[in-house]
Amino acid sequence: MPFAGEEIRLDLLQCAGPDGGRQCVVAIRVHPDALRRLGLHPEQPTARVTGPTPPAWWHAEAERLASRREI
C-alpha cells in the first residue's frame, strides 16, 4: 500500500435512499502529504480541467463498451 494506516480514513455510512430503502456510502479521505509523495497535489496542471468536455457520442460509446465487459 502506498499509504500508512494513519494517512487514510475510510468512512462507511448508511442512510435512507430515494426509494426509502437503505443506501450505503463510502467516503475515502487521504492526508494531503501522502498524496504529495505520489506527485498528486492541487498545483499540478493536470489537476484542473484544461480543455473542452468530450462530445456526447464519446461518453455513450464508453458506456456501451463498459456494459459489454465481463466481470
C-alpha atoms as a PDB file:
ATOM      1  CA  MET A   1       0.000   0.000   0.000  1.00  0.00           C
ATOM      2  CA  PRO A   2       1.299   3.457  -0.783  1.00  0.00           C
ATOM      3  CA  PHE A   3      -0.321   4.857   2.384  1.00  0.00           C
ATOM      4  CA  ALA A   4       0.321   4.205   6.064  1.00  0.00           C
ATOM      5  CA  GLY A   5      -2.692   3.403   8.239  1.00  0.00           C
ATOM      6  CA  GLU A   6      -2.865   6.878   9.784  1.00  0.00           C
ATOM      7  CA  GLU A   7      -2.751   8.576   6.349  1.00  0.00           C
ATOM      8  CA  ILE A   8      -6.011   7.145   5.060  1.00  0.00           C
ATOM      9  CA  ARG A   9      -9.509   7.190   6.514  1.00  0.00           C
ATOM     10  CA  LEU A  10     -12.450   5.096   5.339  1.00  0.00           C
ATOM     11  CA  ASP A  11     -15.954   6.016   6.497  1.00  0.00           C
ATOM     12  CA  LEU A  12     -18.880   3.696   5.850  1.00  0.00           C
ATOM     13  CA  LEU A  13     -22.233   5.460   6.060  1.00  0.00           C
ATOM     14  CA  GLN A  14     -25.747   4.084   5.830  1.00  0.00           C
ATOM     15  CA  CYS A  15     -28.738   6.294   5.107  1.00  0.00           C
ATOM     16  CA  ALA A  16     -32.187   6.174   3.553  1.00  0.00           C
ATOM     17  CA  GLY A  17     -32.123   6.068  -0.234  1.00  0.00           C
ATOM     18  CA  PRO A  18     -34.518   7.843  -2.598  1.00  0.00           C
ATOM     19  CA  ASP A  19     -36.888   4.869  -2.538  1.00  0.00           C
ATOM     20  CA  GLY A  20     -36.862   4.639   1.271  1.00  0.00           C
ATOM     21  CA  GLY A  21     -34.555   1.615   1.304  1.00  0.00           C
ATOM     22  CA  ARG A  22     -31.103   1.548   2.836  1.00  0.00           C
ATOM     23  CA  GLN A  23     -28.254   3.080   0.859  1.00  0.00           C
ATOM     24  CA  CYS A  24     -24.572   2.655   1.704  1.00  0.00           C
ATOM     25  CA  VAL A  25     -21.985   5.340   1.012  1.00  0.00           C
ATOM     26  CA  VAL A  26     -18.204   5.024   1.258  1.00  0.00           C
ATOM     27  CA  ALA A  27     -16.083   8.115   1.898  1.00  0.00           C
ATOM     28  CA  ILE A  28     -12.315   7.812   1.443  1.00  0.00           C
ATOM     29  CA  ARG A  29     -10.031  10.532   2.764  1.00  0.00           C
ATOM     30  CA  VAL A  30      -6.272  10.618   2.250  1.00  0.00           C
ATOM     31  CA  HIS A  31      -3.919  13.041   4.023  1.00  0.00           C
ATOM     32  CA  PRO A  32      -2.613  15.671   1.559  1.00  0.00           C
ATOM     33  CA  ASP A  33       1.041  14.963   2.392  1.00  0.00           C
ATOM     34  CA  ALA A  34       0.552  11.314   1.425  1.00  0.00           C
ATOM     35  CA  LEU A  35      -0.803  12.411  -1.957  1.00  0.00           C
ATOM     36  CA  ARG A  36       2.111  14.798  -2.468  1.00  0.00           C
ATOM     37  CA  ARG A  37       4.539  11.881  -2.041  1.00  0.00           C
ATOM     38  CA  LEU A  38       2.884  10.295  -5.073  1.00  0.00           C
ATOM     39  CA  GLY A  39       3.168  13.506  -7.064  1.00  0.00           C
ATOM     40  CA  LEU A  40      -0.517  14.401  -6.675  1.00  0.00           C
ATOM     41  CA  HIS A  41      -1.216  17.917  -5.499  1.00  0.00           C
ATOM     42  CA  PRO A  42      -3.565  20.795  -6.341  1.00  0.00           C
ATOM     43  CA  GLU A  43      -0.846  22.865  -8.011  1.00  0.00           C
ATOM     44  CA  GLN A  44      -0.172  20.332 -10.748  1.00  0.00           C
ATOM     45  CA  PRO A  45      -1.536  21.411 -14.148  1.00  0.00           C
ATOM     46  CA  THR A  46      -3.413  18.151 -14.773  1.00  0.00           C
ATOM     47  CA  ALA A  47      -5.477  18.549 -11.592  1.00  0.00           C
ATOM     48  CA  ARG A  48      -7.706  21.053 -13.396  1.00  0.00           C
ATOM     49  CA  VAL A  49      -9.858  20.798 -16.493  1.00  0.00           C
ATOM     50  CA  THR A  50      -7.720  22.150 -19.312  1.00  0.00           C
ATOM     51  CA  GLY A  51      -9.957  21.711 -22.325  1.00  0.00           C
ATOM     52  CA  PRO A  52     -13.486  21.188 -23.561  1.00  0.00           C
ATOM     53  CA  THR A  53     -15.518  18.176 -22.456  1.00  0.00           C
ATOM     54  CA  PRO A  54     -15.655  15.211 -24.840  1.00  0.00           C
ATOM     55  CA  PRO A  55     -18.605  15.012 -27.259  1.00  0.00           C
ATOM     56  CA  ALA A  56     -21.759  13.151 -26.180  1.00  0.00           C
ATOM     57  CA  TRP A  57     -21.059  10.214 -28.521  1.00  0.00           C
ATOM     58  CA  TRP A  58     -17.752   9.576 -26.725  1.00  0.00           C
ATOM     59  CA  HIS A  59     -19.478   9.067 -23.371  1.00  0.00           C
ATOM     60  CA  ALA A  60     -22.203   6.920 -24.955  1.00  0.00           C
ATOM     61  CA  GLU A  61     -19.575   4.707 -26.599  1.00  0.00           C
ATOM     62  CA  ALA A  62     -17.707   4.314 -23.300  1.00  0.00           C
ATOM     63  CA  GLU A  63     -20.956   3.258 -21.583  1.00  0.00           C
ATOM     64  CA  ARG A  64     -21.699   0.790 -24.389  1.00  0.00           C
ATOM     65  CA  LEU A  65     -18.240  -0.769 -24.167  1.00  0.00           C
ATOM     66  CA  ALA A  66     -18.397  -0.932 -20.357  1.00  0.00           C
ATOM     67  CA  SER A  67     -21.711  -2.811 -20.461  1.00  0.00           C
ATOM     68  CA  ARG A  68     -20.144  -5.442 -22.768  1.00  0.00           C
ATOM     69  CA  ARG A  69     -17.264  -6.064 -20.377  1.00  0.00           C
ATOM     70  CA  GLU A  70     -17.475  -9.316 -18.426  1.00  0.00           C
ATOM     71  CA  ILE A  71     -16.622  -9.269 -14.754  1.00  0.00           C
END
